[in-house]
Structure formats: C-alpha cells, structure tokens
C-alpha cells in the first residue's frame, strides 16, 4: 500500500475523531456509520488494486517463461531475503562478467526470480508488444459504441 494512501487515511480518521468528540450523540452514531462505510470502501479499492497487480504479474510471468527466461524459486531464507531486497515487478539489467543478465523479481505471486539474457529479453519485448497490440485491437473492436445513436460512421 503506498505511503501516501496510508497517510491520507490516518489524517482523515484523526480529523473525524476530533469532530466526533464535539458532536451530539445521534450525530456521532451517524458519523460512525459513514466512517465505517468509507473505511470498507477504501479497503475494497486497495484490495482491487492488489488483485489487478497480481493478475498483471501472472500474464507477465507467462510471457517471461515463453520468452525463455529461467524461473528460480526463492527456496532458502537467504534467497527470500535477497528477493525481497530487489525491485519487484521490474526488469533489472545486471553485469555478469562480460555478459548481461536481465532479472525480474516477483516476491508476491511465485516468490521467484526470472533470469535471462539479451535474447530472452528481446523475445519478451516482442511478445509483450504483440499482446499490447492484440489487446488494443480487441478494445477497438468492442468499444461499445452505438453508431446508430450517432447517425452512423460515414455518410
């Protein structure tokens, strides 16, 4: 959860708590119900963001495997600590002697590290671009536009 979101929630609850102390009892009861509703809504929204990020990771992991990246599970405590210290869900270019390695850490879904070279990275980029184009075409075909409502497309 981003630090800014946590700060906003804490400040909001502090302000509401101060106001509640200065209101009559019936107004405080109503205010508590509203605050509870806002809190539940905020938690639901944040959980939805985490779910979307997890789904993104799954499709990215499928592309990484298809591109030829090697999946290495964090089996030992040392590997788990190392994985946790890496930037999550991002490619990191690492020099390995005269070679270059691309790593992609997923500490959430698979608790693993994907490792590949320049060829695997180029193939991943190609596959990701194909996926974006396919998703864009799907959106364009099914944009939900009712052209009859607007007099058709061409006249």
N, C-alpha and C. Protein backbone atom coordinates (compact mmCIF):
# COMPACT_ATOMS: atom_id res chain seq x y z
N UNK A 1 0.86 -1.16 0.00
CA UNK A 1 0.00 0.00 0.00
C UNK A 1 0.91 1.23 0.00
N UNK A 2 0.70 2.16 -0.89
CA UNK A 2 1.55 3.34 -0.94
C UNK A 2 1.47 4.14 0.35
N UNK A 3 2.60 4.73 0.70
CA UNK A 3 2.70 5.51 1.93
C UNK A 3 1.75 6.70 1.93
N UNK A 4 1.53 7.32 0.77
CA UNK A 4 0.63 8.46 0.67
C UNK A 4 -0.79 8.05 1.03
N UNK A 5 -1.23 6.88 0.54
CA UNK A 5 -2.58 6.40 0.85
C UNK A 5 -2.76 6.18 2.34
N UNK A 6 -1.76 5.60 2.97
CA UNK A 6 -1.83 5.36 4.42
C UNK A 6 -1.92 6.69 5.16
N UNK A 7 -1.10 7.66 4.74
CA UNK A 7 -1.11 8.97 5.41
C UNK A 7 -2.46 9.65 5.26
N UNK A 8 -3.05 9.58 4.09
CA UNK A 8 -4.37 10.19 3.87
C UNK A 8 -5.42 9.54 4.76
N UNK A 9 -5.40 8.24 4.86
CA UNK A 9 -6.37 7.52 5.70
C UNK A 9 -6.19 7.91 7.16
N UNK A 10 -4.94 7.96 7.64
CA UNK A 10 -4.68 8.29 9.05
C UNK A 10 -5.13 9.71 9.36
N UNK A 11 -4.80 10.67 8.49
CA UNK A 11 -5.19 12.06 8.72
C UNK A 11 -6.71 12.20 8.70
N UNK A 12 -7.36 11.51 7.76
CA UNK A 12 -8.82 11.58 7.67
C UNK A 12 -9.46 11.05 8.95
N UNK A 13 -8.99 9.92 9.45
CA UNK A 13 -9.56 9.36 10.66
C UNK A 13 -9.28 10.24 11.87
N UNK A 14 -8.13 10.88 11.93
CA UNK A 14 -7.82 11.77 13.06
C UNK A 14 -8.76 12.98 13.05
N UNK A 15 -8.99 13.54 11.87
CA UNK A 15 -9.89 14.69 11.77
C UNK A 15 -11.31 14.29 12.14
N UNK A 16 -11.75 13.14 11.68
CA UNK A 16 -13.11 12.69 12.00
C UNK A 16 -13.25 12.39 13.49
N UNK A 17 -12.21 11.86 14.11
CA UNK A 17 -12.26 11.56 15.54
C UNK A 17 -12.38 12.85 16.35
N UNK A 18 -11.65 13.89 15.96
CA UNK A 18 -11.74 15.18 16.66
C UNK A 18 -13.14 15.76 16.52
N UNK A 19 -13.70 15.70 15.31
CA UNK A 19 -15.05 16.24 15.08
C UNK A 19 -16.09 15.47 15.87
N UNK A 20 -15.91 14.17 15.94
CA UNK A 20 -16.89 13.33 16.64
C UNK A 20 -16.97 13.69 18.12
N UNK A 21 -15.86 14.06 18.70
CA UNK A 21 -15.84 14.40 20.12
C UNK A 21 -16.65 15.67 20.40
N UNK A 22 -16.91 16.49 19.39
CA UNK A 22 -17.62 17.76 19.57
C UNK A 22 -19.04 17.73 19.02
N UNK A 23 -19.59 16.57 18.73
CA UNK A 23 -20.95 16.44 18.18
C UNK A 23 -21.89 15.79 19.20
N UNK A 24 -23.22 16.02 19.05
CA UNK A 24 -24.18 15.31 19.91
C UNK A 24 -24.17 13.81 19.60
N UNK A 25 -24.73 13.01 20.50
CA UNK A 25 -24.66 11.54 20.38
C UNK A 25 -25.29 11.02 19.09
N UNK A 26 -26.48 11.50 18.68
CA UNK A 26 -27.11 10.98 17.46
C UNK A 26 -26.26 11.29 16.23
N UNK A 27 -25.61 12.44 16.22
CA UNK A 27 -24.74 12.80 15.09
C UNK A 27 -23.48 11.93 15.10
N UNK A 28 -22.99 11.60 16.29
CA UNK A 28 -21.79 10.74 16.38
C UNK A 28 -22.10 9.33 15.87
N UNK A 29 -23.28 8.81 16.18
CA UNK A 29 -23.65 7.47 15.72
C UNK A 29 -23.73 7.44 14.19
N UNK A 30 -24.35 8.45 13.63
CA UNK A 30 -24.44 8.53 12.16
C UNK A 30 -23.05 8.67 11.55
N UNK A 31 -22.21 9.48 12.15
CA UNK A 31 -20.85 9.71 11.65
C UNK A 31 -20.05 8.39 11.67
N UNK A 32 -20.23 7.60 12.74
CA UNK A 32 -19.52 6.31 12.82
C UNK A 32 -19.91 5.39 11.68
N UNK A 33 -21.19 5.38 11.33
CA UNK A 33 -21.64 4.54 10.21
C UNK A 33 -21.01 5.01 8.90
N UNK A 34 -20.95 6.31 8.71
CA UNK A 34 -20.35 6.87 7.48
C UNK A 34 -18.86 6.53 7.43
N UNK A 35 -18.17 6.70 8.54
CA UNK A 35 -16.74 6.41 8.58
C UNK A 35 -16.49 4.93 8.30
N UNK A 36 -17.31 4.07 8.88
CA UNK A 36 -17.16 2.64 8.63
C UNK A 36 -17.36 2.33 7.15
N UNK A 37 -18.33 2.97 6.53
CA UNK A 37 -18.57 2.76 5.10
C UNK A 37 -17.41 3.23 4.25
N UNK A 38 -16.86 4.39 4.60
CA UNK A 38 -15.70 4.91 3.86
C UNK A 38 -14.51 3.97 4.04
N UNK A 39 -14.31 3.49 5.24
CA UNK A 39 -13.19 2.59 5.51
C UNK A 39 -13.31 1.30 4.70
N UNK A 40 -14.49 0.70 4.70
CA UNK A 40 -14.72 -0.52 3.93
C UNK A 40 -14.51 -0.27 2.44
N UNK A 41 -15.00 0.86 1.94
CA UNK A 41 -14.82 1.21 0.53
C UNK A 41 -13.35 1.37 0.20
N UNK A 42 -12.59 2.03 1.05
CA UNK A 42 -11.16 2.23 0.82
C UNK A 42 -10.42 0.90 0.80
N UNK A 43 -10.74 0.03 1.74
CA UNK A 43 -10.09 -1.28 1.77
C UNK A 43 -10.42 -2.10 0.52
N UNK A 44 -11.66 -2.03 0.09
CA UNK A 44 -12.07 -2.75 -1.12
C UNK A 44 -11.32 -2.23 -2.34
N UNK A 45 -11.18 -0.92 -2.44
CA UNK A 45 -10.46 -0.32 -3.58
C UNK A 45 -9.00 -0.74 -3.56
N UNK A 46 -8.38 -0.71 -2.40
CA UNK A 46 -6.97 -1.09 -2.31
C UNK A 46 -6.79 -2.57 -2.61
N UNK A 47 -7.70 -3.41 -2.16
CA UNK A 47 -7.62 -4.84 -2.47
C UNK A 47 -7.78 -5.06 -3.97
N UNK A 48 -8.64 -4.28 -4.62
CA UNK A 48 -8.81 -4.39 -6.07
C UNK A 48 -7.54 -4.05 -6.80
N UNK A 49 -6.81 -3.03 -6.35
CA UNK A 49 -5.54 -2.67 -6.97
C UNK A 49 -4.53 -3.80 -6.83
N UNK A 50 -4.49 -4.41 -5.64
CA UNK A 50 -3.57 -5.52 -5.44
C UNK A 50 -3.92 -6.70 -6.33
N UNK A 51 -5.21 -6.97 -6.51
CA UNK A 51 -5.65 -8.06 -7.38
C UNK A 51 -5.24 -7.80 -8.81
N UNK A 52 -5.43 -6.57 -9.29
CA UNK A 52 -5.04 -6.24 -10.66
C UNK A 52 -3.54 -6.39 -10.85
N UNK A 53 -2.78 -5.96 -9.87
CA UNK A 53 -1.33 -6.09 -9.97
C UNK A 53 -0.93 -7.56 -10.01
N UNK A 54 -1.59 -8.39 -9.21
CA UNK A 54 -1.32 -9.82 -9.23
C UNK A 54 -1.64 -10.44 -10.57
N UNK A 55 -2.75 -10.02 -11.18
CA UNK A 55 -3.12 -10.55 -12.50
C UNK A 55 -2.11 -10.12 -13.54
N UNK A 56 -1.60 -8.89 -13.44
CA UNK A 56 -0.56 -8.42 -14.35
C UNK A 56 0.68 -9.27 -14.22
N UNK A 57 1.04 -9.61 -12.97
CA UNK A 57 2.23 -10.41 -12.75
C UNK A 57 2.09 -11.78 -13.39
N UNK A 58 0.91 -12.39 -13.30
CA UNK A 58 0.70 -13.70 -13.89
C UNK A 58 0.89 -13.66 -15.40
N UNK A 59 0.31 -12.69 -16.07
CA UNK A 59 0.46 -12.63 -17.51
C UNK A 59 1.90 -12.30 -17.89
N UNK A 60 2.58 -11.48 -17.10
CA UNK A 60 3.99 -11.18 -17.35
C UNK A 60 4.83 -12.43 -17.17
N UNK A 61 4.54 -13.21 -16.13
CA UNK A 61 5.29 -14.44 -15.89
C UNK A 61 5.09 -15.42 -17.04
N UNK A 62 3.90 -15.48 -17.60
CA UNK A 62 3.67 -16.35 -18.74
C UNK A 62 4.52 -15.92 -19.93
N UNK A 63 4.60 -14.61 -20.16
CA UNK A 63 5.43 -14.09 -21.25
C UNK A 63 6.91 -14.38 -20.99
N UNK A 64 7.35 -14.20 -19.75
CA UNK A 64 8.75 -14.46 -19.41
C UNK A 64 9.11 -15.92 -19.68
N UNK A 65 8.24 -16.84 -19.27
CA UNK A 65 8.50 -18.27 -19.49
C UNK A 65 8.52 -18.58 -20.98
N UNK A 66 7.58 -18.03 -21.72
CA UNK A 66 7.52 -18.25 -23.18
C UNK A 66 8.76 -17.69 -23.86
N UNK A 67 9.28 -16.58 -23.36
CA UNK A 67 10.46 -15.95 -23.97
C UNK A 67 11.75 -16.70 -23.64
N UNK A 68 11.68 -17.64 -22.70
CA UNK A 68 12.86 -18.44 -22.38
C UNK A 68 13.57 -18.06 -21.10
N UNK A 69 12.99 -17.16 -20.30
CA UNK A 69 13.60 -16.84 -19.01
C UNK A 69 13.56 -18.06 -18.11
N UNK A 70 14.59 -18.22 -17.28
CA UNK A 70 14.64 -19.32 -16.31
C UNK A 70 14.01 -18.84 -15.01
N UNK A 71 13.14 -19.67 -14.47
CA UNK A 71 12.47 -19.34 -13.20
C UNK A 71 13.26 -19.98 -12.07
N UNK A 72 13.66 -19.16 -11.10
CA UNK A 72 14.38 -19.65 -9.93
C UNK A 72 13.57 -19.31 -8.69
N UNK A 73 13.11 -20.33 -7.99
CA UNK A 73 12.32 -20.13 -6.77
C UNK A 73 13.24 -19.71 -5.62
N UNK A 74 12.72 -18.88 -4.76
CA UNK A 74 13.45 -18.47 -3.55
C UNK A 74 13.18 -19.52 -2.48
N UNK A 75 13.99 -20.58 -2.48
CA UNK A 75 13.77 -21.72 -1.58
C UNK A 75 14.41 -21.54 -0.20
N UNK A 76 15.53 -20.86 -0.15
CA UNK A 76 16.22 -20.72 1.13
C UNK A 76 15.89 -19.36 1.75
N UNK A 77 16.10 -19.22 3.06
CA UNK A 77 15.87 -17.92 3.70
C UNK A 77 16.75 -16.82 3.11
N UNK A 78 17.99 -17.16 2.73
CA UNK A 78 18.89 -16.17 2.13
C UNK A 78 18.34 -15.70 0.78
N UNK A 79 17.83 -16.64 -0.02
CA UNK A 79 17.25 -16.27 -1.31
C UNK A 79 16.00 -15.41 -1.12
N UNK A 80 15.19 -15.74 -0.13
CA UNK A 80 13.97 -14.96 0.14
C UNK A 80 14.33 -13.53 0.54
N UNK A 81 15.37 -13.37 1.38
CA UNK A 81 15.81 -12.02 1.77
C UNK A 81 16.35 -11.26 0.55
N UNK A 82 17.13 -11.95 -0.27
CA UNK A 82 17.67 -11.31 -1.47
C UNK A 82 16.55 -10.88 -2.40
N UNK A 83 15.56 -11.76 -2.60
CA UNK A 83 14.43 -11.45 -3.46
C UNK A 83 13.65 -10.24 -2.93
N UNK A 84 13.47 -10.19 -1.61
CA UNK A 84 12.73 -9.08 -1.00
C UNK A 84 13.46 -7.75 -1.16
N UNK A 85 14.78 -7.79 -1.33
CA UNK A 85 15.55 -6.55 -1.47
C UNK A 85 15.56 -6.03 -2.91
N UNK A 86 15.09 -6.85 -3.85
CA UNK A 86 15.09 -6.45 -5.27
C UNK A 86 13.86 -5.63 -5.61
N UNK A 87 13.96 -4.75 -6.62
CA UNK A 87 12.77 -4.01 -7.06
C UNK A 87 11.74 -5.00 -7.62
N UNK A 88 10.52 -5.02 -7.06
CA UNK A 88 9.54 -6.01 -7.54
C UNK A 88 8.92 -5.62 -8.88
N UNK A 89 8.64 -6.63 -9.68
CA UNK A 89 7.91 -6.48 -10.95
C UNK A 89 8.60 -5.50 -11.90
N UNK A 90 9.93 -5.53 -11.92
CA UNK A 90 10.70 -4.65 -12.81
C UNK A 90 11.89 -5.42 -13.34
N UNK A 91 12.29 -5.09 -14.55
CA UNK A 91 13.50 -5.65 -15.09
C UNK A 91 14.69 -4.90 -14.53
N UNK A 92 15.71 -5.64 -14.17
CA UNK A 92 16.97 -5.05 -13.73
C UNK A 92 18.06 -5.66 -14.60
N UNK A 93 18.88 -4.81 -15.20
CA UNK A 93 19.98 -5.26 -16.03
C UNK A 93 21.21 -5.39 -15.13
N UNK A 94 21.82 -6.56 -15.17
CA UNK A 94 22.97 -6.83 -14.30
C UNK A 94 24.14 -7.29 -15.15
N UNK A 95 25.32 -6.78 -14.82
CA UNK A 95 26.53 -7.25 -15.49
C UNK A 95 27.04 -8.50 -14.81
N UNK A 96 27.29 -9.53 -15.59
CA UNK A 96 27.83 -10.79 -15.07
C UNK A 96 29.09 -11.07 -15.88
N UNK A 97 30.23 -10.60 -15.36
CA UNK A 97 31.47 -10.70 -16.13
C UNK A 97 31.34 -9.85 -17.38
N UNK A 98 31.52 -10.49 -18.54
CA UNK A 98 31.37 -9.78 -19.81
C UNK A 98 29.95 -9.89 -20.36
N UNK A 99 29.13 -10.66 -19.70
CA UNK A 99 27.76 -10.88 -20.15
C UNK A 99 26.79 -9.94 -19.42
N UNK A 100 25.57 -9.91 -19.95
CA UNK A 100 24.50 -9.13 -19.35
C UNK A 100 23.37 -10.09 -19.00
N UNK A 101 22.83 -9.94 -17.80
CA UNK A 101 21.68 -10.74 -17.39
C UNK A 101 20.54 -9.80 -17.06
N UNK A 102 19.33 -10.22 -17.41
CA UNK A 102 18.12 -9.48 -17.09
C UNK A 102 17.40 -10.27 -16.02
N UNK A 103 17.04 -9.60 -14.92
CA UNK A 103 16.30 -10.28 -13.86
C UNK A 103 14.96 -9.59 -13.65
N UNK A 104 13.99 -10.38 -13.23
CA UNK A 104 12.64 -9.90 -12.94
C UNK A 104 12.20 -10.59 -11.66
N UNK A 105 12.05 -9.82 -10.59
CA UNK A 105 11.69 -10.38 -9.28
C UNK A 105 10.19 -10.32 -9.05
N UNK A 106 9.64 -11.44 -8.61
CA UNK A 106 8.22 -11.50 -8.22
C UNK A 106 8.14 -12.04 -6.80
N UNK A 107 8.14 -11.16 -5.80
CA UNK A 107 8.07 -11.61 -4.41
C UNK A 107 6.66 -11.90 -3.93
N UNK A 108 5.65 -11.71 -4.79
CA UNK A 108 4.26 -11.86 -4.37
C UNK A 108 3.64 -13.16 -4.89
N UNK A 109 3.56 -13.32 -6.20
CA UNK A 109 2.84 -14.46 -6.78
C UNK A 109 3.61 -15.76 -6.65
N UNK A 110 4.82 -15.80 -7.20
CA UNK A 110 5.56 -17.06 -7.24
C UNK A 110 6.74 -17.08 -6.28
N UNK A 111 7.06 -15.95 -5.67
CA UNK A 111 8.24 -15.85 -4.79
C UNK A 111 9.46 -16.37 -5.53
N UNK A 112 9.69 -15.78 -6.72
CA UNK A 112 10.75 -16.29 -7.57
C UNK A 112 11.44 -15.16 -8.31
N UNK A 113 12.53 -15.54 -8.98
CA UNK A 113 13.31 -14.62 -9.79
C UNK A 113 13.44 -15.23 -11.18
N UNK A 114 13.13 -14.43 -12.20
CA UNK A 114 13.31 -14.86 -13.58
C UNK A 114 14.63 -14.29 -14.07
N UNK A 115 15.42 -15.13 -14.73
CA UNK A 115 16.74 -14.73 -15.22
C UNK A 115 16.85 -15.07 -16.70
N UNK A 116 17.31 -14.09 -17.49
CA UNK A 116 17.50 -14.32 -18.92
C UNK A 116 18.60 -13.43 -19.45
N UNK A 117 18.96 -13.69 -20.68
CA UNK A 117 19.98 -12.89 -21.34
C UNK A 117 19.35 -11.94 -22.34
N UNK A 118 20.18 -11.30 -23.16
CA UNK A 118 19.67 -10.36 -24.15
C UNK A 118 18.67 -10.98 -25.12
N UNK A 119 18.91 -12.22 -25.56
CA UNK A 119 17.97 -12.86 -26.49
C UNK A 119 16.60 -13.06 -25.85
N UNK A 120 16.57 -13.50 -24.62
CA UNK A 120 15.30 -13.72 -23.93
C UNK A 120 14.58 -12.38 -23.70
N UNK A 121 15.35 -11.34 -23.40
CA UNK A 121 14.74 -10.04 -23.17
C UNK A 121 14.11 -9.49 -24.45
N UNK A 122 14.83 -9.62 -25.56
CA UNK A 122 14.29 -9.15 -26.85
C UNK A 122 13.02 -9.93 -27.20
N UNK A 123 13.03 -11.23 -26.95
CA UNK A 123 11.84 -12.06 -27.24
C UNK A 123 10.68 -11.65 -26.32
N UNK A 124 10.97 -11.37 -25.05
CA UNK A 124 9.93 -10.91 -24.13
C UNK A 124 9.32 -9.61 -24.64
N UNK A 125 10.16 -8.67 -25.06
CA UNK A 125 9.66 -7.39 -25.57
C UNK A 125 8.77 -7.60 -26.79
N UNK A 126 9.17 -8.51 -27.68
CA UNK A 126 8.36 -8.80 -28.87
C UNK A 126 7.00 -9.37 -28.46
N UNK A 127 7.01 -10.33 -27.53
CA UNK A 127 5.75 -10.94 -27.08
C UNK A 127 4.86 -9.92 -26.37
N UNK A 128 5.46 -9.07 -25.55
CA UNK A 128 4.68 -8.06 -24.82
C UNK A 128 4.07 -7.06 -25.80
N UNK A 129 4.81 -6.71 -26.84
CA UNK A 129 4.28 -5.78 -27.84
C UNK A 129 3.13 -6.43 -28.60
N UNK A 130 3.27 -7.70 -28.96
CA UNK A 130 2.18 -8.41 -29.63
C UNK A 130 0.94 -8.44 -28.75
N UNK A 131 1.12 -8.68 -27.46
CA UNK A 131 -0.01 -8.72 -26.53
C UNK A 131 -0.70 -7.36 -26.45
N UNK A 132 0.09 -6.29 -26.36
CA UNK A 132 -0.49 -4.95 -26.30
C UNK A 132 -1.26 -4.62 -27.57
N UNK A 133 -0.73 -5.02 -28.72
CA UNK A 133 -1.43 -4.76 -29.98
C UNK A 133 -2.74 -5.55 -30.01
N UNK A 134 -2.68 -6.82 -29.60
CA UNK A 134 -3.89 -7.64 -29.60
C UNK A 134 -4.94 -7.08 -28.65
N UNK A 135 -4.51 -6.62 -27.47
CA UNK A 135 -5.46 -6.03 -26.52
C UNK A 135 -6.04 -4.73 -27.06
N UNK A 136 -5.22 -3.95 -27.76
CA UNK A 136 -5.69 -2.70 -28.36
C UNK A 136 -6.70 -2.96 -29.45
N UNK A 137 -6.45 -3.99 -30.28
CA UNK A 137 -7.40 -4.33 -31.34
C UNK A 137 -8.71 -4.84 -30.75
N UNK A 138 -8.60 -5.63 -29.68
CA UNK A 138 -9.80 -6.13 -29.03
C UNK A 138 -10.62 -4.96 -28.49
N UNK A 139 -9.96 -4.00 -27.87
CA UNK A 139 -10.67 -2.83 -27.34
C UNK A 139 -11.30 -2.04 -28.47
N UNK A 140 -10.57 -1.89 -29.57
CA UNK A 140 -11.10 -1.11 -30.69
C UNK A 140 -12.31 -1.80 -31.31
N UNK A 141 -12.30 -3.12 -31.37
CA UNK A 141 -13.42 -3.84 -31.96
C UNK A 141 -14.64 -3.84 -31.05
N UNK A 142 -14.43 -3.84 -29.76
CA UNK A 142 -15.52 -3.96 -28.80
C UNK A 142 -15.60 -2.71 -27.92
N UNK A 143 -15.56 -1.54 -28.54
CA UNK A 143 -15.55 -0.33 -27.73
C UNK A 143 -16.92 0.06 -27.20
N UNK A 144 -17.96 -0.66 -27.57
CA UNK A 144 -19.29 -0.41 -27.04
C UNK A 144 -19.99 0.80 -27.65
N UNK A 145 -19.46 1.32 -28.72
CA UNK A 145 -20.05 2.50 -29.36
C UNK A 145 -21.30 2.10 -30.13
N UNK A 146 -22.40 2.79 -29.89
CA UNK A 146 -23.64 2.58 -30.64
C UNK A 146 -23.69 3.62 -31.74
N UNK A 147 -23.17 3.25 -32.92
CA UNK A 147 -23.07 4.21 -34.01
C UNK A 147 -24.43 4.63 -34.53
N UNK A 148 -25.44 3.77 -34.42
CA UNK A 148 -26.78 4.14 -34.85
C UNK A 148 -27.31 5.33 -34.07
N UNK A 149 -26.92 5.42 -32.82
CA UNK A 149 -27.33 6.51 -31.96
C UNK A 149 -26.76 7.85 -32.45
N UNK A 150 -25.63 7.78 -33.14
CA UNK A 150 -24.93 8.99 -33.60
C UNK A 150 -25.02 9.19 -35.11
N UNK A 151 -25.90 8.49 -35.75
CA UNK A 151 -26.10 8.69 -37.17
C UNK A 151 -25.13 7.92 -38.05
N UNK A 152 -24.51 6.88 -37.53
CA UNK A 152 -23.59 6.08 -38.32
C UNK A 152 -22.21 6.69 -38.37
N UNK A 153 -21.32 5.99 -39.05
CA UNK A 153 -19.94 6.43 -39.12
C UNK A 153 -19.70 7.32 -40.33
N UNK A 154 -20.02 6.82 -41.50
CA UNK A 154 -19.81 7.62 -42.71
C UNK A 154 -21.15 7.94 -43.35
N UNK A 155 -21.24 9.06 -43.95
CA UNK A 155 -22.48 9.46 -44.63
C UNK A 155 -22.24 9.59 -46.09
